[in-house]
Structure formats: C-alpha cells, structure tokens
Amino acid sequence: MATHASALKAHRQSVKNREHNRQFRSRLRSALKSVRAAIAGNDLAEAKTALKQTISLIDKMASKGIIHRNAAGRYKSRLSTRLAARS
C-alpha cells in the first residue's frame, strides 16, 4: 500500500474517477440498447429521439476521454447506418 501523501491522494482520485467512468459506461450501454431495441421494433420515431440523445452522450464521453474518439465515431456511424437501413 502507498505510504506517501501524494500516492494516497492519487489512489483516492483514481478510485473516484474509476467509479465515475463506470457510471458513464453503464449509461452508454443502456442508451445503445434502447436505440437498438427501438430500431429492431420498427419504432422509428422513438429510435430517432433515442439516437439523438445517445449521440450527445457519446460525444460527451469522447470529449472527457472516457472512450476513444474513434470508438465514438464508430458507435455513431453504426447506429446511424442501422437506422437509415430501416427507414
């Protein structure tokens, strides 16, 4: 276990940041599921609103460094393609 004050603080910060990032990733997974379910259920109006909210969440996560910007682009592209294929 760390004994220096700076190492203890760094550990506290990493624990806090890890939990914050886990909550964001959980929200992202739930949002992705809701968009996919709406697309699969042919509920295009709901899918479009869910997609808009999900893209906003993805952009926030990418800007904060929780997910990589290429991963963010990939998520958005695949969801948009799925929705366009159903329209």
N, C-alpha and C. Protein backbone atom coordinates (compact mmCIF):
# COMPACT_ATOMS: atom_id res chain seq x y z
N MET A 1 0.85 -1.19 0.00
CA MET A 1 0.00 0.00 0.00
C MET A 1 0.89 1.24 0.00
N ALA A 2 0.41 2.28 -0.66
CA ALA A 2 1.16 3.52 -0.75
C ALA A 2 1.26 4.19 0.63
N THR A 3 2.38 4.82 0.88
CA THR A 3 2.56 5.47 2.17
C THR A 3 2.76 6.98 2.04
N HIS A 4 3.19 7.45 0.88
CA HIS A 4 3.37 8.88 0.69
C HIS A 4 2.02 9.56 0.54
N ALA A 5 1.93 10.77 1.01
CA ALA A 5 0.67 11.51 0.95
C ALA A 5 0.21 11.69 -0.49
N SER A 6 1.14 11.96 -1.38
CA SER A 6 0.78 12.17 -2.78
C SER A 6 0.27 10.88 -3.42
N ALA A 7 0.87 9.75 -3.03
CA ALA A 7 0.43 8.47 -3.57
C ALA A 7 -0.95 8.10 -3.04
N LEU A 8 -1.20 8.42 -1.77
CA LEU A 8 -2.52 8.16 -1.19
C LEU A 8 -3.59 9.01 -1.89
N LYS A 9 -3.25 10.26 -2.15
CA LYS A 9 -4.21 11.13 -2.83
C LYS A 9 -4.46 10.64 -4.25
N ALA A 10 -3.41 10.23 -4.93
CA ALA A 10 -3.56 9.72 -6.30
C ALA A 10 -4.45 8.49 -6.31
N HIS A 11 -4.30 7.65 -5.30
CA HIS A 11 -5.15 6.46 -5.21
C HIS A 11 -6.61 6.84 -4.99
N ARG A 12 -6.85 7.79 -4.09
CA ARG A 12 -8.22 8.26 -3.85
C ARG A 12 -8.84 8.81 -5.13
N GLN A 13 -8.05 9.58 -5.87
CA GLN A 13 -8.54 10.16 -7.11
C GLN A 13 -8.84 9.08 -8.16
N SER A 14 -7.98 8.09 -8.23
CA SER A 14 -8.19 7.04 -9.23
C SER A 14 -9.44 6.23 -8.92
N VAL A 15 -9.70 5.98 -7.64
CA VAL A 15 -10.91 5.25 -7.25
C VAL A 15 -12.15 6.05 -7.62
N LYS A 16 -12.11 7.35 -7.34
CA LYS A 16 -13.24 8.22 -7.65
C LYS A 16 -13.48 8.30 -9.16
N ASN A 17 -12.38 8.47 -9.91
CA ASN A 17 -12.50 8.56 -11.37
C ASN A 17 -12.98 7.25 -11.98
N ARG A 18 -12.52 6.14 -11.44
CA ARG A 18 -12.92 4.84 -11.97
C ARG A 18 -14.43 4.65 -11.81
N GLU A 19 -14.95 5.01 -10.64
CA GLU A 19 -16.40 4.88 -10.41
C GLU A 19 -17.19 5.81 -11.33
N HIS A 20 -16.71 7.02 -11.51
CA HIS A 20 -17.37 7.97 -12.39
C HIS A 20 -17.40 7.44 -13.82
N ASN A 21 -16.27 6.90 -14.28
CA ASN A 21 -16.19 6.36 -15.64
C ASN A 21 -17.08 5.13 -15.80
N ARG A 22 -17.17 4.31 -14.75
CA ARG A 22 -18.04 3.12 -14.81
C ARG A 22 -19.49 3.53 -14.97
N GLN A 23 -19.90 4.58 -14.27
CA GLN A 23 -21.28 5.05 -14.39
C GLN A 23 -21.56 5.56 -15.80
N PHE A 24 -20.61 6.28 -16.37
CA PHE A 24 -20.78 6.77 -17.74
C PHE A 24 -20.88 5.61 -18.72
N ARG A 25 -20.01 4.61 -18.57
CA ARG A 25 -20.04 3.47 -19.49
C ARG A 25 -21.34 2.69 -19.36
N SER A 26 -21.86 2.59 -18.14
CA SER A 26 -23.14 1.93 -17.92
C SER A 26 -24.27 2.68 -18.61
N ARG A 27 -24.25 4.01 -18.48
CA ARG A 27 -25.26 4.83 -19.16
C ARG A 27 -25.16 4.66 -20.68
N LEU A 28 -23.94 4.57 -21.19
CA LEU A 28 -23.74 4.40 -22.62
C LEU A 28 -24.31 3.07 -23.09
N ARG A 29 -24.01 2.00 -22.38
CA ARG A 29 -24.51 0.68 -22.77
C ARG A 29 -26.04 0.64 -22.76
N SER A 30 -26.65 1.25 -21.75
CA SER A 30 -28.10 1.30 -21.68
C SER A 30 -28.68 2.09 -22.84
N ALA A 31 -28.05 3.20 -23.16
CA ALA A 31 -28.53 4.03 -24.27
C ALA A 31 -28.40 3.29 -25.60
N LEU A 32 -27.30 2.59 -25.79
CA LEU A 32 -27.12 1.82 -27.02
C LEU A 32 -28.18 0.73 -27.15
N LYS A 33 -28.49 0.07 -26.04
CA LYS A 33 -29.52 -0.97 -26.06
C LYS A 33 -30.87 -0.39 -26.41
N SER A 34 -31.19 0.78 -25.86
CA SER A 34 -32.50 1.38 -26.13
C SER A 34 -32.64 1.76 -27.60
N VAL A 35 -31.57 2.28 -28.19
CA VAL A 35 -31.63 2.63 -29.62
C VAL A 35 -31.78 1.38 -30.46
N ARG A 36 -30.99 0.37 -30.16
CA ARG A 36 -31.07 -0.88 -30.93
C ARG A 36 -32.43 -1.54 -30.80
N ALA A 37 -33.01 -1.50 -29.60
CA ALA A 37 -34.33 -2.10 -29.39
C ALA A 37 -35.39 -1.33 -30.17
N ALA A 38 -35.31 -0.02 -30.18
CA ALA A 38 -36.27 0.79 -30.93
C ALA A 38 -36.16 0.53 -32.42
N ILE A 39 -34.94 0.39 -32.92
CA ILE A 39 -34.75 0.09 -34.34
C ILE A 39 -35.29 -1.29 -34.67
N ALA A 40 -34.99 -2.26 -33.81
CA ALA A 40 -35.46 -3.63 -34.04
C ALA A 40 -36.98 -3.72 -33.98
N GLY A 41 -37.60 -2.88 -33.14
CA GLY A 41 -39.05 -2.89 -33.01
C GLY A 41 -39.75 -2.01 -34.03
N ASN A 42 -39.03 -1.49 -35.01
CA ASN A 42 -39.57 -0.63 -36.06
C ASN A 42 -40.27 0.61 -35.51
N ASP A 43 -39.85 1.08 -34.36
CA ASP A 43 -40.38 2.32 -33.77
C ASP A 43 -39.41 3.44 -34.14
N LEU A 44 -39.56 3.94 -35.37
CA LEU A 44 -38.57 4.86 -35.91
C LEU A 44 -38.57 6.22 -35.22
N ALA A 45 -39.73 6.69 -34.78
CA ALA A 45 -39.79 7.99 -34.10
C ALA A 45 -39.02 7.92 -32.79
N GLU A 46 -39.25 6.86 -32.03
CA GLU A 46 -38.53 6.68 -30.76
C GLU A 46 -37.05 6.45 -31.02
N ALA A 47 -36.74 5.71 -32.07
CA ALA A 47 -35.34 5.43 -32.40
C ALA A 47 -34.59 6.72 -32.71
N LYS A 48 -35.23 7.63 -33.43
CA LYS A 48 -34.56 8.89 -33.79
C LYS A 48 -34.29 9.75 -32.56
N THR A 49 -35.26 9.83 -31.65
CA THR A 49 -35.03 10.63 -30.45
C THR A 49 -33.98 9.97 -29.56
N ALA A 50 -34.03 8.65 -29.44
CA ALA A 50 -33.04 7.93 -28.63
C ALA A 50 -31.65 8.07 -29.25
N LEU A 51 -31.59 8.05 -30.57
CA LEU A 51 -30.30 8.19 -31.26
C LEU A 51 -29.71 9.57 -30.99
N LYS A 52 -30.54 10.59 -31.02
CA LYS A 52 -30.06 11.95 -30.78
C LYS A 52 -29.47 12.07 -29.38
N GLN A 53 -30.15 11.52 -28.38
CA GLN A 53 -29.66 11.57 -27.01
C GLN A 53 -28.38 10.75 -26.85
N THR A 54 -28.36 9.60 -27.49
CA THR A 54 -27.20 8.72 -27.39
C THR A 54 -25.97 9.35 -28.04
N ILE A 55 -26.14 10.00 -29.17
CA ILE A 55 -25.02 10.66 -29.84
C ILE A 55 -24.47 11.77 -28.95
N SER A 56 -25.36 12.48 -28.28
CA SER A 56 -24.91 13.53 -27.35
C SER A 56 -24.07 12.92 -26.23
N LEU A 57 -24.54 11.81 -25.67
CA LEU A 57 -23.81 11.13 -24.60
C LEU A 57 -22.45 10.63 -25.10
N ILE A 58 -22.43 10.06 -26.29
CA ILE A 58 -21.19 9.55 -26.87
C ILE A 58 -20.18 10.68 -27.05
N ASP A 59 -20.64 11.82 -27.55
CA ASP A 59 -19.74 12.96 -27.76
C ASP A 59 -19.18 13.47 -26.43
N LYS A 60 -20.02 13.51 -25.40
CA LYS A 60 -19.55 13.95 -24.08
C LYS A 60 -18.46 13.00 -23.57
N MET A 61 -18.70 11.70 -23.73
CA MET A 61 -17.73 10.72 -23.24
C MET A 61 -16.41 10.82 -23.99
N ALA A 62 -16.49 11.04 -25.29
CA ALA A 62 -15.27 11.16 -26.08
C ALA A 62 -14.50 12.42 -25.71
N SER A 63 -15.21 13.50 -25.44
CA SER A 63 -14.52 14.74 -25.10
C SER A 63 -13.86 14.65 -23.73
N LYS A 64 -14.42 13.85 -22.83
CA LYS A 64 -13.85 13.68 -21.50
C LYS A 64 -12.77 12.60 -21.47
N GLY A 65 -12.61 11.86 -22.56
CA GLY A 65 -11.58 10.84 -22.63
C GLY A 65 -12.00 9.51 -22.04
N ILE A 66 -13.29 9.32 -21.79
CA ILE A 66 -13.76 8.06 -21.23
C ILE A 66 -13.73 6.97 -22.29
N ILE A 67 -14.10 7.36 -23.53
CA ILE A 67 -13.94 6.45 -24.67
C ILE A 67 -13.10 7.17 -25.72
N HIS A 68 -12.46 6.42 -26.57
CA HIS A 68 -11.62 7.00 -27.61
C HIS A 68 -12.50 7.64 -28.68
N ARG A 69 -11.99 8.69 -29.31
CA ARG A 69 -12.80 9.40 -30.31
C ARG A 69 -13.11 8.52 -31.51
N ASN A 70 -12.24 7.60 -31.86
CA ASN A 70 -12.54 6.68 -32.96
C ASN A 70 -13.65 5.72 -32.58
N ALA A 71 -13.66 5.28 -31.33
CA ALA A 71 -14.74 4.41 -30.85
C ALA A 71 -16.05 5.17 -30.87
N ALA A 72 -16.01 6.44 -30.49
CA ALA A 72 -17.22 7.27 -30.51
C ALA A 72 -17.76 7.38 -31.93
N GLY A 73 -16.87 7.63 -32.87
CA GLY A 73 -17.29 7.72 -34.27
C GLY A 73 -17.85 6.41 -34.78
N ARG A 74 -17.26 5.32 -34.35
CA ARG A 74 -17.74 4.00 -34.77
C ARG A 74 -19.15 3.73 -34.25
N TYR A 75 -19.37 4.04 -32.96
CA TYR A 75 -20.71 3.85 -32.39
C TYR A 75 -21.75 4.67 -33.15
N LYS A 76 -21.44 5.94 -33.37
CA LYS A 76 -22.40 6.82 -34.04
C LYS A 76 -22.66 6.36 -35.47
N SER A 77 -21.62 5.96 -36.16
CA SER A 77 -21.77 5.53 -37.55
C SER A 77 -22.62 4.27 -37.66
N ARG A 78 -22.36 3.31 -36.80
CA ARG A 78 -23.10 2.05 -36.88
C ARG A 78 -24.56 2.23 -36.52
N LEU A 79 -24.84 3.06 -35.51
CA LEU A 79 -26.23 3.31 -35.14
C LEU A 79 -26.96 4.05 -36.25
N SER A 80 -26.32 5.04 -36.83
CA SER A 80 -26.94 5.81 -37.90
C SER A 80 -27.20 4.93 -39.12
N THR A 81 -26.27 4.05 -39.42
CA THR A 81 -26.44 3.15 -40.55
C THR A 81 -27.60 2.20 -40.34
N ARG A 82 -27.72 1.67 -39.11
CA ARG A 82 -28.84 0.78 -38.80
C ARG A 82 -30.17 1.48 -38.96
N LEU A 83 -30.23 2.70 -38.45
CA LEU A 83 -31.48 3.47 -38.53
C LEU A 83 -31.81 3.79 -39.98
N ALA A 84 -30.82 4.17 -40.76
CA ALA A 84 -31.05 4.51 -42.17
C ALA A 84 -31.51 3.29 -42.96
N ALA A 85 -31.02 2.11 -42.60
CA ALA A 85 -31.41 0.88 -43.30
C ALA A 85 -32.88 0.55 -43.04
N ARG A 86 -33.38 0.91 -41.86
CA ARG A 86 -34.78 0.64 -41.51
C ARG A 86 -35.74 1.68 -42.06
N SER A 87 -35.24 2.88 -42.36
CA SER A 87 -36.11 3.96 -42.81
C SER A 87 -36.56 3.77 -44.24
